[in-house]
Amino acid sequence: ETGRTRLIISGNCPPRQLNLNLPDLASRLDW
């Protein structure tokens, strides 16, 4: 929404393979 912050996230696998309980978070991380 703000469009000002750079966001970097790291994991041990691609976003879709994280098996997150929150489907909306999984889809956001895949963008």
Full PDB file with SEQRES, HELIX, SHEET, SSBOND, CRYST1, ORIGX, SCALE, CONECT and MASTER records, all heavy atoms in Angstrom:
SEQRES   1 A   31  GLU THR GLY ARG THR ARG LEU ILE ILE SER GLY ASN CYS          
SEQRES   2 A   31  PRO PRO ARG GLN LEU ASN LEU ASN LEU PRO ASP LEU ALA          
SEQRES   3 A   31  SER ARG LEU ASP TRP                                          
HELIX    1 AA1 PRO A   15  GLN A   17  5                                   3    
HELIX    2 AA2 PRO A   23  LEU A   29  1                                   7    
CRYST1    1.000    1.000    1.000  90.00  90.00  90.00 P 1           1          
ORIGX1      1.000000  0.000000  0.000000        0.00000                         
ORIGX2      0.000000  1.000000  0.000000        0.00000                         
ORIGX3      0.000000  0.000000  1.000000        0.00000                         
SCALE1      1.000000  0.000000  0.000000        0.00000                         
SCALE2      0.000000  1.000000  0.000000        0.00000                         
SCALE3      0.000000  0.000000  1.000000        0.00000                         
ATOM      1  N   GLU A   1       0.826  -1.212   0.000  1.00  0.00           N  
ATOM      2  CA  GLU A   1       0.000   0.000   0.000  1.00  0.00           C  
ATOM      3  C   GLU A   1       0.861   1.263   0.000  1.00  0.00           C  
ATOM      4  O   GLU A   1       0.557   2.223  -0.709  1.00  0.00           O  
ATOM      5  CB  GLU A   1      -0.920  -0.003   1.234  1.00  0.00           C  
ATOM      6  CG  GLU A   1      -2.044  -1.024   1.156  1.00  0.00           C  
ATOM      7  CD  GLU A   1      -2.793  -1.145   2.474  1.00  0.00           C  
ATOM      8  OE1 GLU A   1      -2.496  -0.348   3.397  1.00  0.00           O  
ATOM      9  OE2 GLU A   1      -3.660  -2.027   2.577  1.00  0.00           O  
ATOM     10  N   THR A   2       1.929   1.259   0.786  1.00  0.00           N  
ATOM     11  CA  THR A   2       2.761   2.463   0.856  1.00  0.00           C  
ATOM     12  C   THR A   2       3.652   2.600  -0.369  1.00  0.00           C  
ATOM     13  O   THR A   2       3.918   3.713  -0.834  1.00  0.00           O  
ATOM     14  CB  THR A   2       3.637   2.446   2.116  1.00  0.00           C  
ATOM     15  OG1 THR A   2       4.511   1.308   2.068  1.00  0.00           O  
ATOM     16  CG2 THR A   2       2.781   2.357   3.380  1.00  0.00           C  
ATOM     17  N   GLY A   3       4.141   1.462  -0.890  1.00  0.00           N  
ATOM     18  CA  GLY A   3       4.970   1.480  -2.094  1.00  0.00           C  
ATOM     19  C   GLY A   3       6.355   2.067  -1.918  1.00  0.00           C  
ATOM     20  O   GLY A   3       7.011   2.412  -2.892  1.00  0.00           O  
ATOM     21  N   ARG A   4       6.823   2.162  -0.660  1.00  0.00           N  
ATOM     22  CA  ARG A   4       8.124   2.787  -0.421  1.00  0.00           C  
ATOM     23  C   ARG A   4       9.190   1.809   0.083  1.00  0.00           C  
ATOM     24  O   ARG A   4      10.377   2.082  -0.063  1.00  0.00           O  
ATOM     25  CB  ARG A   4       7.972   3.921   0.615  1.00  0.00           C  
ATOM     26  CG  ARG A   4       7.130   5.086   0.151  1.00  0.00           C  
ATOM     27  CD  ARG A   4       7.234   6.232   1.142  1.00  0.00           C  
ATOM     28  NE  ARG A   4       6.808   5.838   2.479  1.00  0.00           N  
ATOM     29  CZ  ARG A   4       5.559   5.937   2.929  1.00  0.00           C  
ATOM     30  NH1 ARG A   4       4.619   6.405   2.138  1.00  0.00           N  
ATOM     31  NH2 ARG A   4       5.258   5.585   4.169  1.00  0.00           N  
ATOM     32  N   THR A   5       8.768   0.720   0.689  1.00  0.00           N  
ATOM     33  CA  THR A   5       9.699  -0.170   1.385  1.00  0.00           C  
ATOM     34  C   THR A   5      10.147  -1.325   0.501  1.00  0.00           C  
ATOM     35  O   THR A   5       9.339  -1.969  -0.166  1.00  0.00           O  
ATOM     36  CB  THR A   5       9.033  -0.737   2.658  1.00  0.00           C  
ATOM     37  OG1 THR A   5       8.598   0.342   3.476  1.00  0.00           O  
ATOM     38  CG2 THR A   5       9.990  -1.615   3.435  1.00  0.00           C  
ATOM     39  N   ARG A   6      11.433  -1.575   0.530  1.00  0.00           N  
ATOM     40  CA  ARG A   6      11.968  -2.759  -0.134  1.00  0.00           C  
ATOM     41  C   ARG A   6      11.828  -3.931   0.838  1.00  0.00           C  
ATOM     42  O   ARG A   6      12.219  -3.831   1.994  1.00  0.00           O  
ATOM     43  CB  ARG A   6      13.435  -2.556  -0.492  1.00  0.00           C  
ATOM     44  CG  ARG A   6      13.718  -1.278  -1.285  1.00  0.00           C  
ATOM     45  CD  ARG A   6      15.198  -0.965  -1.215  1.00  0.00           C  
ATOM     46  NE  ARG A   6      15.584   0.295  -1.836  1.00  0.00           N  
ATOM     47  CZ  ARG A   6      15.574   1.471  -1.222  1.00  0.00           C  
ATOM     48  NH1 ARG A   6      15.158   1.564   0.034  1.00  0.00           N  
ATOM     49  NH2 ARG A   6      15.967   2.560  -1.846  1.00  0.00           N  
ATOM     50  N   LEU A   7      11.316  -5.051   0.353  1.00  0.00           N  
ATOM     51  CA  LEU A   7      11.098  -6.236   1.190  1.00  0.00           C  
ATOM     52  C   LEU A   7      11.839  -7.424   0.593  1.00  0.00           C  
ATOM     53  O   LEU A   7      11.630  -7.777  -0.569  1.00  0.00           O  
ATOM     54  CB  LEU A   7       9.600  -6.546   1.284  1.00  0.00           C  
ATOM     55  CG  LEU A   7       9.216  -7.839   2.020  1.00  0.00           C  
ATOM     56  CD1 LEU A   7       9.636  -7.785   3.485  1.00  0.00           C  
ATOM     57  CD2 LEU A   7       7.711  -8.097   1.891  1.00  0.00           C  
ATOM     58  N   ILE A   8      12.711  -8.035   1.399  1.00  0.00           N  
ATOM     59  CA  ILE A   8      13.441  -9.230   0.984  1.00  0.00           C  
ATOM     60  C   ILE A   8      13.127 -10.338   1.976  1.00  0.00           C  
ATOM     61  O   ILE A   8      13.238 -10.149   3.195  1.00  0.00           O  
ATOM     62  CB  ILE A   8      14.966  -8.986   0.947  1.00  0.00           C  
ATOM     63  CG1 ILE A   8      15.311  -7.798   0.058  1.00  0.00           C  
ATOM     64  CG2 ILE A   8      15.690 -10.237   0.460  1.00  0.00           C  
ATOM     65  CD1 ILE A   8      16.783  -7.416   0.098  1.00  0.00           C  
ATOM     66  N   ILE A   9      12.715 -11.484   1.464  1.00  0.00           N  
ATOM     67  CA  ILE A   9      12.395 -12.639   2.305  1.00  0.00           C  
ATOM     68  C   ILE A   9      13.204 -13.834   1.824  1.00  0.00           C  
ATOM     69  O   ILE A   9      13.358 -14.058   0.629  1.00  0.00           O  
ATOM     70  CB  ILE A   9      10.888 -12.957   2.269  1.00  0.00           C  
ATOM     71  CG1 ILE A   9      10.078 -11.768   2.809  1.00  0.00           C  
ATOM     72  CG2 ILE A   9      10.576 -14.220   3.054  1.00  0.00           C  
ATOM     73  CD1 ILE A   9       8.576 -11.982   2.785  1.00  0.00           C  
ATOM     74  N   SER A  10      13.718 -14.613   2.783  1.00  0.00           N  
ATOM     75  CA  SER A  10      14.452 -15.829   2.421  1.00  0.00           C  
ATOM     76  C   SER A  10      13.803 -17.037   3.070  1.00  0.00           C  
ATOM     77  O   SER A  10      13.182 -16.945   4.138  1.00  0.00           O  
ATOM     78  CB  SER A  10      15.919 -15.740   2.874  1.00  0.00           C  
ATOM     79  OG  SER A  10      16.047 -16.085   4.245  1.00  0.00           O  
ATOM     80  N   GLY A  11      13.953 -18.172   2.413  1.00  0.00           N  
ATOM     81  CA  GLY A  11      13.430 -19.426   2.947  1.00  0.00           C  
ATOM     82  C   GLY A  11      14.287 -20.595   2.501  1.00  0.00           C  
ATOM     83  O   GLY A  11      15.277 -20.415   1.785  1.00  0.00           O  
ATOM     84  N   ASN A  12      13.883 -21.791   2.896  1.00  0.00           N  
ATOM     85  CA  ASN A  12      14.654 -22.986   2.520  1.00  0.00           C  
ATOM     86  C   ASN A  12      14.057 -23.711   1.330  1.00  0.00           C  
ATOM     87  O   ASN A  12      14.515 -24.792   0.953  1.00  0.00           O  
ATOM     88  CB  ASN A  12      14.774 -23.941   3.711  1.00  0.00           C  
ATOM     89  CG  ASN A  12      13.428 -24.527   4.143  1.00  0.00           C  
ATOM     90  OD1 ASN A  12      12.370 -24.092   3.675  1.00  0.00           O  
ATOM     91  ND2 ASN A  12      13.462 -25.497   5.037  1.00  0.00           N  
ATOM     92  N   CYS A  13      13.017 -23.117   0.730  1.00  0.00           N  
ATOM     93  CA  CYS A  13      12.377 -23.702  -0.446  1.00  0.00           C  
ATOM     94  C   CYS A  13      11.563 -22.606  -1.125  1.00  0.00           C  
ATOM     95  O   CYS A  13      11.373 -21.517  -0.563  1.00  0.00           O  
ATOM     96  CB  CYS A  13      11.484 -24.884  -0.048  1.00  0.00           C  
ATOM     97  SG  CYS A  13      10.120 -24.437   1.059  1.00  0.00           S  
ATOM     98  N   PRO A  14      11.056 -22.863  -2.335  1.00  0.00           N  
ATOM     99  CA  PRO A  14      10.212 -21.860  -2.996  1.00  0.00           C  
ATOM    100  C   PRO A  14       8.956 -21.578  -2.169  1.00  0.00           C  
ATOM    101  O   PRO A  14       8.511 -22.427  -1.385  1.00  0.00           O  
ATOM    102  CB  PRO A  14       9.858 -22.529  -4.339  1.00  0.00           C  
ATOM    103  CG  PRO A  14      10.937 -23.533  -4.561  1.00  0.00           C  
ATOM    104  CD  PRO A  14      11.315 -24.030  -3.206  1.00  0.00           C  
ATOM    105  N   PRO A  15       8.363 -20.393  -2.343  1.00  0.00           N  
ATOM    106  CA  PRO A  15       7.202 -20.012  -1.528  1.00  0.00           C  
ATOM    107  C   PRO A  15       6.074 -21.038  -1.528  1.00  0.00           C  
ATOM    108  O   PRO A  15       5.484 -21.327  -0.485  1.00  0.00           O  
ATOM    109  CB  PRO A  15       6.753 -18.692  -2.153  1.00  0.00           C  
ATOM    110  CG  PRO A  15       7.981 -18.125  -2.764  1.00  0.00           C  
ATOM    111  CD  PRO A  15       8.761 -19.308  -3.255  1.00  0.00           C  
ATOM    112  N   ARG A  16       5.767 -21.598  -2.691  1.00  0.00           N  
ATOM    113  CA  ARG A  16       4.642 -22.523  -2.799  1.00  0.00           C  
ATOM    114  C   ARG A  16       4.894 -23.838  -2.075  1.00  0.00           C  
ATOM    115  O   ARG A  16       3.957 -24.610  -1.837  1.00  0.00           O  
ATOM    116  CB  ARG A  16       4.336 -22.794  -4.277  1.00  0.00           C  
ATOM    117  CG  ARG A  16       3.702 -21.622  -4.998  1.00  0.00           C  
ATOM    118  CD  ARG A  16       2.287 -21.372  -4.498  1.00  0.00           C  
ATOM    119  NE  ARG A  16       1.616 -20.303  -5.247  1.00  0.00           N  
ATOM    120  CZ  ARG A  16       0.376 -19.914  -5.028  1.00  0.00           C  
ATOM    121  NH1 ARG A  16      -0.336 -20.496  -4.082  1.00  0.00           N  
ATOM    122  NH2 ARG A  16      -0.152 -18.924  -5.720  1.00  0.00           N  
ATOM    123  N   GLN A  17       6.133 -24.134  -1.747  1.00  0.00           N  
ATOM    124  CA  GLN A  17       6.464 -25.385  -1.060  1.00  0.00           C  
ATOM    125  C   GLN A  17       6.600 -25.224   0.453  1.00  0.00           C  
ATOM    126  O   GLN A  17       6.946 -26.172   1.157  1.00  0.00           O  
ATOM    127  CB  GLN A  17       7.756 -25.970  -1.633  1.00  0.00           C  
ATOM    128  CG  GLN A  17       7.645 -26.377  -3.093  1.00  0.00           C  
ATOM    129  CD  GLN A  17       8.953 -26.899  -3.664  1.00  0.00           C  
ATOM    130  OE1 GLN A  17       9.844 -27.328  -2.937  1.00  0.00           O  
ATOM    131  NE2 GLN A  17       9.070 -26.849  -4.981  1.00  0.00           N  
ATOM    132  N   LEU A  18       6.330 -24.036   0.969  1.00  0.00           N  
ATOM    133  CA  LEU A  18       6.488 -23.783   2.401  1.00  0.00           C  
ATOM    134  C   LEU A  18       5.403 -24.451   3.251  1.00  0.00           C  
ATOM    135  O   LEU A  18       5.580 -24.630   4.456  1.00  0.00           O  
ATOM    136  CB  LEU A  18       6.473 -22.279   2.672  1.00  0.00           C  
ATOM    137  CG  LEU A  18       7.730 -21.500   2.301  1.00  0.00           C  
ATOM    138  CD1 LEU A  18       7.473 -19.999   2.384  1.00  0.00           C  
ATOM    139  CD2 LEU A  18       8.894 -21.880   3.205  1.00  0.00           C  
ATOM    140  N   ASN A  19       4.256 -24.780   2.638  1.00  0.00           N  
ATOM    141  CA  ASN A  19       3.126 -25.374   3.369  1.00  0.00           C  
ATOM    142  C   ASN A  19       2.612 -24.457   4.482  1.00  0.00           C  
ATOM    143  O   ASN A  19       2.317 -24.897   5.600  1.00  0.00           O  
ATOM    144  CB  ASN A  19       3.506 -26.742   3.959  1.00  0.00           C  
ATOM    145  CG  ASN A  19       3.812 -27.767   2.882  1.00  0.00           C  
ATOM    146  OD1 ASN A  19       3.103 -27.849   1.881  1.00  0.00           O  
ATOM    147  ND2 ASN A  19       4.869 -28.530   3.078  1.00  0.00           N  
ATOM    148  N   LEU A  20       2.524 -23.174   4.152  1.00  0.00           N  
ATOM    149  CA  LEU A  20       1.971 -22.206   5.099  1.00  0.00           C  
ATOM    150  C   LEU A  20       0.494 -22.485   5.339  1.00  0.00           C  
ATOM    151  O   LEU A  20      -0.229 -22.940   4.439  1.00  0.00           O  
ATOM    152  CB  LEU A  20       2.151 -20.791   4.551  1.00  0.00           C  
ATOM    153  CG  LEU A  20       3.596 -20.296   4.464  1.00  0.00           C  
ATOM    154  CD1 LEU A  20       3.701 -19.137   3.487  1.00  0.00           C  
ATOM    155  CD2 LEU A  20       4.099 -19.869   5.854  1.00  0.00           C  
ATOM    156  N   ASN A  21       0.035 -22.209   6.544  1.00  0.00           N  
ATOM    157  CA  ASN A  21      -1.383 -22.410   6.862  1.00  0.00           C  
ATOM    158  C   ASN A  21      -2.265 -21.326   6.260  1.00  0.00           C  
ATOM    159  O   ASN A  21      -3.449 -21.533   6.050  1.00  0.00           O  
ATOM    160  CB  ASN A  21      -1.589 -22.439   8.380  1.00  0.00           C  
ATOM    161  CG  ASN A  21      -1.129 -23.744   8.998  1.00  0.00           C  
ATOM    162  OD1 ASN A  21      -0.719 -24.660   8.285  1.00  0.00           O  
ATOM    163  ND2 ASN A  21      -1.197 -23.823  10.324  1.00  0.00           N  
ATOM    164  N   LEU A  22      -1.667 -20.165   6.013  1.00  0.00           N  
ATOM    165  CA  LEU A  22      -2.426 -19.022   5.493  1.00  0.00           C  
ATOM    166  C   LEU A  22      -2.264 -18.974   3.973  1.00  0.00           C  
ATOM    167  O   LEU A  22      -1.227 -18.523   3.473  1.00  0.00           O  
ATOM    168  CB  LEU A  22      -1.909 -17.731   6.134  1.00  0.00           C  
ATOM    169  CG  LEU A  22      -2.710 -16.446   5.926  1.00  0.00           C  
ATOM    170  CD1 LEU A  22      -4.117 -16.593   6.476  1.00  0.00           C  
ATOM    171  CD2 LEU A  22      -1.998 -15.271   6.587  1.00  0.00           C  
ATOM    172  N   PRO A  23      -3.258 -19.431   3.225  1.00  0.00           N  
ATOM    173  CA  PRO A  23      -3.138 -19.482   1.763  1.00  0.00           C  
ATOM    174  C   PRO A  23      -2.840 -18.125   1.136  1.00  0.00           C  
ATOM    175  O   PRO A  23      -2.082 -18.032   0.166  1.00  0.00           O  
ATOM    176  CB  PRO A  23      -4.503 -20.016   1.297  1.00  0.00           C  
ATOM    177  CG  PRO A  23      -5.069 -20.710   2.495  1.00  0.00           C  
ATOM    178  CD  PRO A  23      -4.564 -19.946   3.683  1.00  0.00           C  
ATOM    179  N   ASP A  24      -3.422 -17.062   1.681  1.00  0.00           N  
ATOM    180  CA  ASP A  24      -3.203 -15.731   1.115  1.00  0.00           C  
ATOM    181  C   ASP A  24      -1.750 -15.298   1.255  1.00  0.00           C  
ATOM    182  O   ASP A  24      -1.212 -14.602   0.381  1.00  0.00           O  
ATOM    183  CB  ASP A  24      -4.115 -14.708   1.789  1.00  0.00           C  
ATOM    184  CG  ASP A  24      -5.563 -14.845   1.339  1.00  0.00           C  
ATOM    185  OD1 ASP A  24      -5.792 -15.517   0.306  1.00  0.00           O  
ATOM    186  OD2 ASP A  24      -6.448 -14.299   2.007  1.00  0.00           O  
ATOM    187  N   LEU A  25      -1.076 -15.701   2.341  1.00  0.00           N  
ATOM    188  CA  LEU A  25       0.341 -15.376   2.500  1.00  0.00           C  
ATOM    189  C   LEU A  25       1.165 -16.146   1.483  1.00  0.00           C  
ATOM    190  O   LEU A  25       2.071 -15.584   0.859  1.00  0.00           O  
ATOM    191  CB  LEU A  25       0.818 -15.706   3.913  1.00  0.00           C  
ATOM    192  CG  LEU A  25       2.316 -15.508   4.169  1.00  0.00           C  
ATOM    193  CD1 LEU A  25       2.747 -14.074   3.883  1.00  0.00           C  
ATOM    194  CD2 LEU A  25       2.677 -15.899   5.604  1.00  0.00           C  
ATOM    195  N   ALA A  26       0.828 -17.410   1.275  1.00  0.00           N  
ATOM    196  CA  ALA A  26       1.549 -18.220   0.291  1.00  0.00           C  
ATOM    197  C   ALA A  26       1.454 -17.596  -1.096  1.00  0.00           C  
ATOM    198  O   ALA A  26       2.449 -17.535  -1.829  1.00  0.00           O  
ATOM    199  CB  ALA A  26       0.994 -19.639   0.276  1.00  0.00           C  
ATOM    200  N   SER A  27       0.273 -17.119  -1.456  1.00  0.00           N  
ATOM    201  CA  SER A  27       0.108 -16.512  -2.786  1.00  0.00           C  
ATOM    202  C   SER A  27       0.837 -15.183  -2.876  1.00  0.00           C  
ATOM    203  O   SER A  27       1.440 -14.870  -3.916  1.00  0.00           O  
ATOM    204  CB  SER A  27      -1.376 -16.323  -3.101  1.00  0.00           C  
ATOM    205  OG  SER A  27      -1.969 -15.384  -2.216  1.00  0.00           O  
ATOM    206  N   ARG A  28       0.848 -14.390  -1.797  1.00  0.00           N  
ATOM    207  CA  ARG A  28       1.576 -13.121  -1.810  1.00  0.00           C  
ATOM    208  C   ARG A  28       3.073 -13.356  -2.017  1.00  0.00           C  
ATOM    209  O   ARG A  28       3.725 -12.651  -2.789  1.00  0.00           O  
ATOM    210  CB  ARG A  28       1.369 -12.356  -0.494  1.00  0.00           C  
ATOM    211  CG  ARG A  28      -0.028 -11.886  -0.207  1.00  0.00           C  
ATOM    212  CD  ARG A  28      -0.495 -10.796  -1.142  1.00  0.00           C  
ATOM    213  NE  ARG A  28      -1.706 -10.163  -0.660  1.00  0.00           N  
ATOM    214  CZ  ARG A  28      -2.933 -10.656  -0.783  1.00  0.00           C  
ATOM    215  NH1 ARG A  28      -3.104 -11.820  -1.393  1.00  0.00           N  
ATOM    216  NH2 ARG A  28      -3.975 -10.001  -0.309  1.00  0.00           N  
ATOM    217  N   LEU A  29       3.618 -14.333  -1.302  1.00  0.00           N  
ATOM    218  CA  LEU A  29       5.054 -14.584  -1.384  1.00  0.00           C  
ATOM    219  C   LEU A  29       5.461 -15.087  -2.764  1.00  0.00           C  
ATOM    220  O   LEU A  29       6.637 -15.021  -3.130  1.00  0.00           O  
ATOM    221  CB  LEU A  29       5.482 -15.609  -0.322  1.00  0.00           C  
ATOM    222  CG  LEU A  29       5.300 -15.188   1.140  1.00  0.00           C  
ATOM    223  CD1 LEU A  29       5.828 -16.271   2.071  1.00  0.00           C  
ATOM    224  CD2 LEU A  29       5.993 -13.860   1.421  1.00  0.00           C  
ATOM    225  N   ASP A  30       4.500 -15.595  -3.513  1.00  0.00           N  
ATOM    226  CA  ASP A  30       4.796 -16.131  -4.844  1.00  0.00           C  
ATOM    227  C   ASP A  30       4.774 -15.051  -5.916  1.00  0.00           C  
ATOM    228  O   ASP A  30       5.076 -15.317  -7.071  1.00  0.00           O  
ATOM    229  CB  ASP A  30       3.786 -17.234  -5.188  1.00  0.00           C  
ATOM    230  CG  ASP A  30       4.344 -18.239  -6.181  1.00  0.00           C  
ATOM    231  OD1 ASP A  30       5.552 -18.547  -6.106  1.00  0.00           O  
ATOM    232  OD2 ASP A  30       3.581 -18.711  -7.038  1.00  0.00           O  
ATOM    233  N   TRP A  31       4.404 -13.825  -5.536  1.00  0.00           N  
ATOM    234  CA  TRP A  31       4.418 -12.712  -6.480  1.00  0.00           C  
ATOM    235  C   TRP A  31       5.806 -12.092  -6.496  1.00  0.00           C  
ATOM    236  O   TRP A  31       6.505 -12.058  -5.492  1.00  0.00           O  
ATOM    237  CB  TRP A  31       3.403 -11.634  -6.080  1.00  0.00           C  
ATOM    238  CG  TRP A  31       1.981 -12.083  -6.107  1.00  0.00           C  
ATOM    239  CD1 TRP A  31       1.481 -13.231  -6.637  1.00  0.00           C  
ATOM    240  CD2 TRP A  31       0.852 -11.370  -5.545  1.00  0.00           C  
ATOM    241  NE1 TRP A  31       0.131 -13.298  -6.455  1.00  0.00           N  
ATOM    242  CE2 TRP A  31      -0.293 -12.184  -5.800  1.00  0.00           C  
ATOM    243  CE3 TRP A  31       0.700 -10.168  -4.888  1.00  0.00           C  
ATOM    244  CZ2 TRP A  31      -1.580 -11.802  -5.395  1.00  0.00           C  
ATOM    245  CZ3 TRP A  31      -0.575  -9.774  -4.479  1.00  0.00           C  
ATOM    246  CH2 TRP A  31      -1.693 -10.579  -4.734  1.00  0.00           C  
TER     247      TRP A  31                                                      
MASTER        0    0    0    2    0    0    0    6  246    1    0    3          
END                                                                             
